PDB file of N, CA and C in Angstrom:
ATOM      1  N   THR A   1      -6.793  -6.163  -6.510  1.00  0.00           N
ATOM      2  CA  THR A   1      -7.102  -6.325  -7.597  1.00  0.00           C
ATOM      3  C   THR A   1      -8.947  -5.849  -8.020  1.00  0.00           C
ATOM      4  N   ALA A   2      -9.381  -6.742  -7.032  1.00  0.00           N
ATOM      5  CA  ALA A   2     -10.941  -6.584  -7.404  1.00  0.00           C
ATOM      6  C   ALA A   2     -11.689  -5.539  -6.095  1.00  0.00           C
ATOM      7  N   LEU A   3     -10.787  -4.953  -5.070  1.00  0.00           N
ATOM      8  CA  LEU A   3     -10.740  -3.897  -3.787  1.00  0.00           C
ATOM      9  C   LEU A   3     -11.112  -3.098  -4.764  1.00  0.00           C
ATOM     10  N   ALA A   4      -9.681  -2.996  -5.309  1.00  0.00           N
ATOM     11  CA  ALA A   4      -9.596  -1.816  -6.317  1.00  0.00           C
ATOM     12  C   ALA A   4     -10.382  -1.478  -7.257  1.00  0.00           C
ATOM     13  N   THR A   5     -10.559  -1.717  -7.876  1.00  0.00           N
ATOM     14  CA  THR A   5     -11.516  -1.909  -9.109  1.00  0.00           C
ATOM     15  C   THR A   5     -12.756  -1.413  -8.239  1.00  0.00           C
ATOM     16  N   VAL A   6     -13.487  -2.087  -7.816  1.00  0.00           N
ATOM     17  CA  VAL A   6     -14.622  -1.346  -7.515  1.00  0.00           C
ATOM     18  C   VAL A   6     -15.346  -0.064  -6.600  1.00  0.00           C
ATOM     19  N   LEU A   7     -14.166   0.015  -5.306  1.00  0.00           N
ATOM     20  CA  LEU A   7     -13.714   1.628  -5.459  1.00  0.00           C
ATOM     21  C   LEU A   7     -12.867   2.229  -6.398  1.00  0.00           C
ATOM     22  N   SER A   8     -12.714   2.069  -7.170  1.00  0.00           N
ATOM     23  CA  SER A   8     -12.731   2.908  -8.247  1.00  0.00           C
ATOM     24  C   SER A   8     -13.575   3.758  -8.455  1.00  0.00           C
ATOM     25  N   SER A   9     -15.296   3.297  -8.908  1.00  0.00           N
ATOM     26  CA  SER A   9     -15.734   4.835  -8.972  1.00  0.00           C
ATOM     27  C   SER A   9     -15.916   5.775  -7.526  1.00  0.00           C
ATOM     28  N   ALA A  10     -15.183   4.868  -6.942  1.00  0.00           N
ATOM     29  CA  ALA A  10     -14.970   6.206  -5.820  1.00  0.00           C
ATOM     30  C   ALA A  10     -15.289   7.289  -5.589  1.00  0.00           C
ATOM     31  N   ASP A  11     -15.175   8.857  -5.241  1.00  0.00           N
ATOM     32  CA  ASP A  11     -14.532   9.879  -5.492  1.00  0.00           C
ATOM     33  C   ASP A  11     -13.680   9.575  -5.201  1.00  0.00           C
ATOM     34  N   PRO A  12     -12.019  10.015  -5.708  1.00  0.00           N
ATOM     35  CA  PRO A  12     -10.868  10.042  -5.867  1.00  0.00           C
ATOM     36  C   PRO A  12      -9.807  10.704  -5.057  1.00  0.00           C
ATOM     37  N   GLU A  13     -11.284  12.087  -3.961  1.00  0.00           N
ATOM     38  CA  GLU A  13     -10.775  12.751  -3.960  1.00  0.00           C
ATOM     39  C   GLU A  13     -11.999  12.426  -2.071  1.00  0.00           C
ATOM     40  N   ARG A  14     -12.289  11.709  -2.286  1.00  0.00           N
ATOM     41  CA  ARG A  14     -12.417  11.849  -1.184  1.00  0.00           C
ATOM     42  C   ARG A  14     -11.892   9.987  -0.396  1.00  0.00           C
ATOM     43  N   THR A  15     -11.573   8.794  -1.704  1.00  0.00           N
ATOM     44  CA  THR A  15     -11.758   7.750  -1.679  1.00  0.00           C
ATOM     45  C   THR A  15     -10.104   7.515  -1.162  1.00  0.00           C
ATOM     46  N   PHE A  16      -8.741   6.932  -0.087  1.00  0.00           N
ATOM     47  CA  PHE A  16      -7.708   6.492  -0.890  1.00  0.00           C
ATOM     48  C   PHE A  16      -7.968   5.281   0.066  1.00  0.00           C
ATOM     49  N   LEU A  17      -7.147   4.994  -1.485  1.00  0.00           N
ATOM     50  CA  LEU A  17      -6.399   2.852  -0.946  1.00  0.00           C
ATOM     51  C   LEU A  17      -5.672   3.064  -0.169  1.00  0.00           C
ATOM     52  N   GLU A  18      -5.827   1.926   1.331  1.00  0.00           N
ATOM     53  CA  GLU A  18      -4.942   2.118   2.562  1.00  0.00           C
ATOM     54  C   GLU A  18      -4.490   0.778   1.063  1.00  0.00           C
ATOM     55  N   ILE A  19      -3.193  -0.419   1.604  1.00  0.00           N
ATOM     56  CA  ILE A  19      -2.151  -1.045   1.027  1.00  0.00           C
ATOM     57  C   ILE A  19      -2.525  -2.545   2.195  1.00  0.00           C
ATOM     58  N   LEU A  20      -2.874  -2.056   3.255  1.00  0.00           N
ATOM     59  CA  LEU A  20      -2.449  -2.812   4.433  1.00  0.00           C
ATOM     60  C   LEU A  20      -2.058  -1.729   6.070  1.00  0.00           C
ATOM     61  N   ASN A  21      -2.876  -1.994   7.000  1.00  0.00           N
ATOM     62  CA  ASN A  21      -2.467  -1.013   7.948  1.00  0.00           C
ATOM     63  C   ASN A  21      -2.337  -2.085   8.606  1.00  0.00           C
ATOM     64  N   GLU A  22      -0.892  -1.250   9.888  1.00  0.00           N
ATOM     65  CA  GLU A  22       0.031  -1.484   9.748  1.00  0.00           C
ATOM     66  C   GLU A  22       0.787  -3.293   9.708  1.00  0.00           C
ATOM     67  N   PRO A  23       0.733  -3.685   8.346  1.00  0.00           N
ATOM     68  CA  PRO A  23       1.800  -4.375   8.292  1.00  0.00           C
ATOM     69  C   PRO A  23       2.847  -5.042   9.862  1.00  0.00           C
ATOM     70  N   GLN A  24       2.691  -6.246   9.940  1.00  0.00           N
ATOM     71  CA  GLN A  24       3.456  -6.964  10.948  1.00  0.00           C
ATOM     72  C   GLN A  24       4.121  -7.835  10.954  1.00  0.00           C
ATOM     73  N   ASP A  25       5.460  -8.886   9.983  1.00  0.00           N
ATOM     74  CA  ASP A  25       5.817 -10.222   9.957  1.00  0.00           C
ATOM     75  C   ASP A  25       7.131 -10.347  10.861  1.00  0.00           C
ATOM     76  N   ARG A  26       7.104 -10.687  11.840  1.00  0.00           N
ATOM     77  CA  ARG A  26       8.539  -9.885  13.010  1.00  0.00           C
ATOM     78  C   ARG A  26      10.002 -11.167  11.516  1.00  0.00           C
ATOM     79  N   LYS A  27       9.145 -12.425  11.228  1.00  0.00           N
ATOM     80  CA  LYS A  27      10.285 -13.727  10.839  1.00  0.00           C
ATOM     81  C   LYS A  27      10.567 -13.296   9.677  1.00  0.00           C
ATOM     82  N   ALA A  28      10.258 -12.006   8.998  1.00  0.00           N
ATOM     83  CA  ALA A  28      10.565 -11.671   7.319  1.00  0.00           C
ATOM     84  C   ALA A  28       9.818 -10.014   7.086  1.00  0.00           C
ATOM     85  N   PRO A  29      10.760  -8.866   6.852  1.00  0.00           N
ATOM     86  CA  PRO A  29      10.403  -8.041   6.792  1.00  0.00           C
ATOM     87  C   PRO A  29      11.134  -7.292   6.675  1.00  0.00           C
ATOM     88  N   ALA A  30      11.691  -7.343   5.725  1.00  0.00           N
ATOM     89  CA  ALA A  30      11.980  -7.617   5.013  1.00  0.00           C
ATOM     90  C   ALA A  30      11.341  -7.899   3.227  1.00  0.00           C
ATOM     91  N   LEU A  31      10.642  -8.631   4.045  1.00  0.00           N
ATOM     92  CA  LEU A  31       9.510  -9.001   3.053  1.00  0.00           C
ATOM     93  C   LEU A  31       8.573  -7.565   2.347  1.00  0.00           C
ATOM     94  N   TRP A  32       8.096  -6.678   3.348  1.00  0.00           N
ATOM     95  CA  TRP A  32       6.802  -6.192   2.951  1.00  0.00           C
ATOM     96  C   TRP A  32       8.043  -5.109   2.003  1.00  0.00           C
ATOM     97  N   PRO A  33       8.302  -4.405   2.113  1.00  0.00           N
ATOM     98  CA  PRO A  33       8.862  -3.436   0.375  1.00  0.00           C
ATOM     99  C   PRO A  33       8.577  -3.954  -0.479  1.00  0.00           C
ATOM    100  N   ALA A  34       9.162  -4.970  -1.172  1.00  0.00           N
ATOM    101  CA  ALA A  34       8.576  -5.540  -2.834  1.00  0.00           C
ATOM    102  C   ALA A  34       7.522  -5.681  -2.825  1.00  0.00           C
ATOM    103  N   ALA A  35       6.484  -6.492  -2.102  1.00  0.00           N
ATOM    104  CA  ALA A  35       5.449  -6.170  -1.559  1.00  0.00           C
ATOM    105  C   ALA A  35       4.033  -5.292  -1.507  1.00  0.00           C
ATOM    106  N   GLN A  36       4.816  -4.348  -0.711  1.00  0.00           N
ATOM    107  CA  GLN A  36       4.423  -3.588  -0.787  1.00  0.00           C
ATOM    108  C   GLN A  36       3.893  -3.105  -2.666  1.00  0.00           C
ATOM    109  N   ALA A  37       4.716  -2.769  -2.900  1.00  0.00           N
ATOM    110  CA  ALA A  37       5.024  -1.678  -4.559  1.00  0.00           C
ATOM    111  C   ALA A  37       4.338  -3.234  -4.960  1.00  0.00           C
ATOM    112  N   ARG A  38       4.370  -4.342  -5.633  1.00  0.00           N
ATOM    113  CA  ARG A  38       3.448  -5.431  -5.839  1.00  0.00           C
ATOM    114  C   ARG A  38       2.110  -5.042  -6.387  1.00  0.00           C
ATOM    115  N   LEU A  39       1.414  -4.815  -4.288  1.00  0.00           N
ATOM    116  CA  LEU A  39       0.235  -4.021  -4.329  1.00  0.00           C
ATOM    117  C   LEU A  39       0.202  -2.710  -4.975  1.00  0.00           C
ATOM    118  N   ALA A  40       1.423  -1.588  -5.506  1.00  0.00           N
ATOM    119  CA  ALA A  40       0.700  -0.441  -5.109  1.00  0.00           C
ATOM    120  C   ALA A  40       0.093  -0.399  -6.581  1.00  0.00           C
ATOM    121  N   ALA A  41       1.667  -1.305  -7.602  1.00  0.00           N
ATOM    122  CA  ALA A  41       1.229  -1.395  -8.790  1.00  0.00           C
ATOM    123  C   ALA A  41      -0.303  -1.668  -9.283  1.00  0.00           C
ATOM    124  N   ALA A  42      -0.350  -2.989  -8.818  1.00  0.00           N
ATOM    125  CA  ALA A  42      -1.938  -3.491  -8.742  1.00  0.00           C
ATOM    126  C   ALA A  42      -3.521  -2.475  -8.701  1.00  0.00           C
ATOM    127  N   ILE A  43      -2.993  -2.391  -7.174  1.00  0.00           N
ATOM    128  CA  ILE A  43      -4.374  -0.784  -6.901  1.00  0.00           C
ATOM    129  C   ILE A  43      -4.426   0.758  -7.778  1.00  0.00           C
ATOM    130  N   ARG A  44      -2.257   0.721  -8.800  1.00  0.00           N
ATOM    131  CA  ARG A  44      -2.570   1.409  -9.505  1.00  0.00           C
ATOM    132  C   ARG A  44      -3.626   1.793 -11.100  1.00  0.00           C
ATOM    133  N   ALA A  45      -3.615   0.228 -10.974  1.00  0.00           N
ATOM    134  CA  ALA A  45      -3.255  -0.750 -12.776  1.00  0.00           C
ATOM    135  C   ALA A  45      -5.430  -0.177 -13.016  1.00  0.00           C
ATOM    136  N   ALA A  46      -6.178  -0.850 -10.945  1.00  0.00           N
ATOM    137  CA  ALA A  46      -7.477  -0.459 -11.877  1.00  0.00           C
ATOM    138  C   ALA A  46      -7.805   0.831 -10.836  1.00  0.00           C
ATOM    139  N   ALA A  47      -7.267   1.393  -9.805  1.00  0.00           N
ATOM    140  CA  ALA A  47      -8.179   2.712  -9.783  1.00  0.00           C
ATOM    141  C   ALA A  47      -6.314   4.152  -9.859  1.00  0.00           C
ATOM    142  N   PRO A  48      -7.019   3.861 -10.907  1.00  0.00           N
ATOM    143  CA  PRO A  48      -5.210   5.216 -11.765  1.00  0.00           C
ATOM    144  C   PRO A  48      -5.077   6.986 -10.648  1.00  0.00           C
ATOM    145  N   HIS A  49      -6.808   7.103 -10.192  1.00  0.00           N
ATOM    146  CA  HIS A  49      -6.989   8.640  -9.488  1.00  0.00           C
ATOM    147  C   HIS A  49      -6.737   9.003  -7.893  1.00  0.00           C
ATOM    148  N   HIS A  50      -6.907   7.125  -7.663  1.00  0.00           N
ATOM    149  CA  HIS A  50      -6.599   7.489  -6.544  1.00  0.00           C
ATOM    150  C   HIS A  50      -5.209   7.669  -4.958  1.00  0.00           C
ATOM    151  N   THR A  51      -5.814   8.071  -4.156  1.00  0.00           N
ATOM    152  CA  THR A  51      -4.229   8.310  -3.629  1.00  0.00           C
ATOM    153  C   THR A  51      -4.679   6.096  -2.494  1.00  0.00           C
ATOM    154  N   ILE A  52      -2.868   5.987  -2.812  1.00  0.00           N
ATOM    155  CA  ILE A  52      -3.555   4.871  -2.185  1.00  0.00           C
ATOM    156  C   ILE A  52      -2.105   5.740  -0.710  1.00  0.00           C
ATOM    157  N   ILE A  53      -2.438   4.956  -0.094  1.00  0.00           N
ATOM    158  CA  ILE A  53      -1.404   4.781   1.550  1.00  0.00           C
ATOM    159  C   ILE A  53      -0.647   3.891   1.926  1.00  0.00           C
ATOM    160  N   ALA A  54       1.003   3.332   1.952  1.00  0.00           N
ATOM    161  CA  ALA A  54       1.195   3.270   1.297  1.00  0.00           C
ATOM    162  C   ALA A  54       2.342   3.190   3.059  1.00  0.00           C
ATOM    163  N   THR A  55       2.375   1.916   3.935  1.00  0.00           N
ATOM    164  CA  THR A  55       2.574   1.810   4.853  1.00  0.00           C
ATOM    165  C   THR A  55       4.412   1.375   5.141  1.00  0.00           C
ATOM    166  N   GLY A  56       4.894   1.678   6.101  1.00  0.00           N
ATOM    167  CA  GLY A  56       6.408   0.593   6.161  1.00  0.00           C
ATOM    168  C   GLY A  56       5.666  -0.821   7.735  1.00  0.00           C
ATOM    169  N   ASP A  57       6.802  -1.204   7.651  1.00  0.00           N
ATOM    170  CA  ASP A  57       7.113  -2.972   8.079  1.00  0.00           C
ATOM    171  C   ASP A  57       6.491  -2.868   9.871  1.00  0.00           C
ATOM    172  N   ASP A  58       6.458  -3.690  10.142  1.00  0.00           N
ATOM    173  CA  ASP A  58       6.101  -3.764  11.937  1.00  0.00           C
ATOM    174  C   ASP A  58       5.436  -2.660  12.479  1.00  0.00           C
ATOM    175  N   TYR A  59       3.825  -2.880  12.026  1.00  0.00           N
ATOM    176  CA  TYR A  59       3.319  -1.587  12.570  1.00  0.00           C
ATOM    177  C   TYR A  59       3.955   0.055  11.671  1.00  0.00           C
ATOM    178  N   SER A  60       3.729   0.221  11.039  1.00  0.00           N
ATOM    179  CA  SER A  60       5.205   1.099  10.540  1.00  0.00           C
ATOM    180  C   SER A  60       5.321   2.605  11.032  1.00  0.00           C
ATOM    181  N   ASN A  61       6.434   2.009  11.358  1.00  0.00           N
ATOM    182  CA  ASN A  61       7.691   2.122  12.887  1.00  0.00           C
ATOM    183  C   ASN A  61       8.753   3.183  12.200  1.00  0.00           C
ATOM    184  N   ILE A  62       9.231   4.046  12.497  1.00  0.00           N
ATOM    185  CA  ILE A  62      10.054   4.616  12.334  1.00  0.00           C
ATOM    186  C   ILE A  62      10.956   3.439  11.141  1.00  0.00           C
ATOM    187  N   PRO A  63      12.035   2.427  11.986  1.00  0.00           N
ATOM    188  CA  PRO A  63      12.538   1.529  10.738  1.00  0.00           C
ATOM    189  C   PRO A  63      11.922   1.643  10.398  1.00  0.00           C
ATOM    190  N   GLY A  64      10.595   0.495   9.979  1.00  0.00           N
ATOM    191  CA  GLY A  64      10.169   0.154   9.245  1.00  0.00           C
ATOM    192  C   GLY A  64       9.865   0.542   7.610  1.00  0.00           C
ATOM    193  N   LEU A  65       9.331   2.558   8.101  1.00  0.00           N
ATOM    194  CA  LEU A  65       9.608   3.491   7.258  1.00  0.00           C
ATOM    195  C   LEU A  65      11.261   4.076   6.731  1.00  0.00           C
ATOM    196  N   LEU A  66      11.648   3.495   6.816  1.00  0.00           N
ATOM    197  CA  LEU A  66      12.991   4.013   6.232  1.00  0.00           C
ATOM    198  C   LEU A  66      13.755   2.408   5.353  1.00  0.00           C
ATOM    199  N   ARG A  67      13.077   1.659   5.475  1.00  0.00           N
ATOM    200  CA  ARG A  67      13.586   0.569   4.614  1.00  0.00           C
ATOM    201  C   ARG A  67      12.468   0.449   3.500  1.00  0.00           C
ATOM    202  N   LEU A  68      11.398   1.793   3.227  1.00  0.00           N
ATOM    203  CA  LEU A  68      10.975   1.529   1.874  1.00  0.00           C
ATOM    204  C   LEU A  68      12.019   2.394   0.434  1.00  0.00           C
ATOM    205  N   LYS A  69      11.723   2.467  -0.382  1.00  0.00           N
ATOM    206  CA  LYS A  69      11.880   3.446  -1.191  1.00  0.00           C
ATOM    207  C   LYS A  69      10.447   3.776  -1.687  1.00  0.00           C
ATOM    208  N   PRO A  70      10.166   5.173  -1.916  1.00  0.00           N
ATOM    209  CA  PRO A  70       9.016   5.912  -2.980  1.00  0.00           C
ATOM    210  C   PRO A  70       8.838   5.091  -3.181  1.00  0.00           C
ATOM    211  N   LEU A  71       7.254   4.771  -3.361  1.00  0.00           N
ATOM    212  CA  LEU A  71       6.353   4.545  -5.021  1.00  0.00           C
ATOM    213  C   LEU A  71       5.815   5.137  -5.658  1.00  0.00           C
TER     214      LEU A  71
END
């Protein structure tokens, strides 16, 4: 939330907010989609006009992306 608040004043056409680059947690990959949804909601509240880059777990591979529901 703090970082999104700071970046909310940046041009939303030139500044995209990525939740986490290539997340990886081999012990609990199923937890990532819900955690990412909560983080996206916090970012959206602070920076409503910016693009949010979401990604799948396990280094953003195809199976990780398929586990996601669109935000």
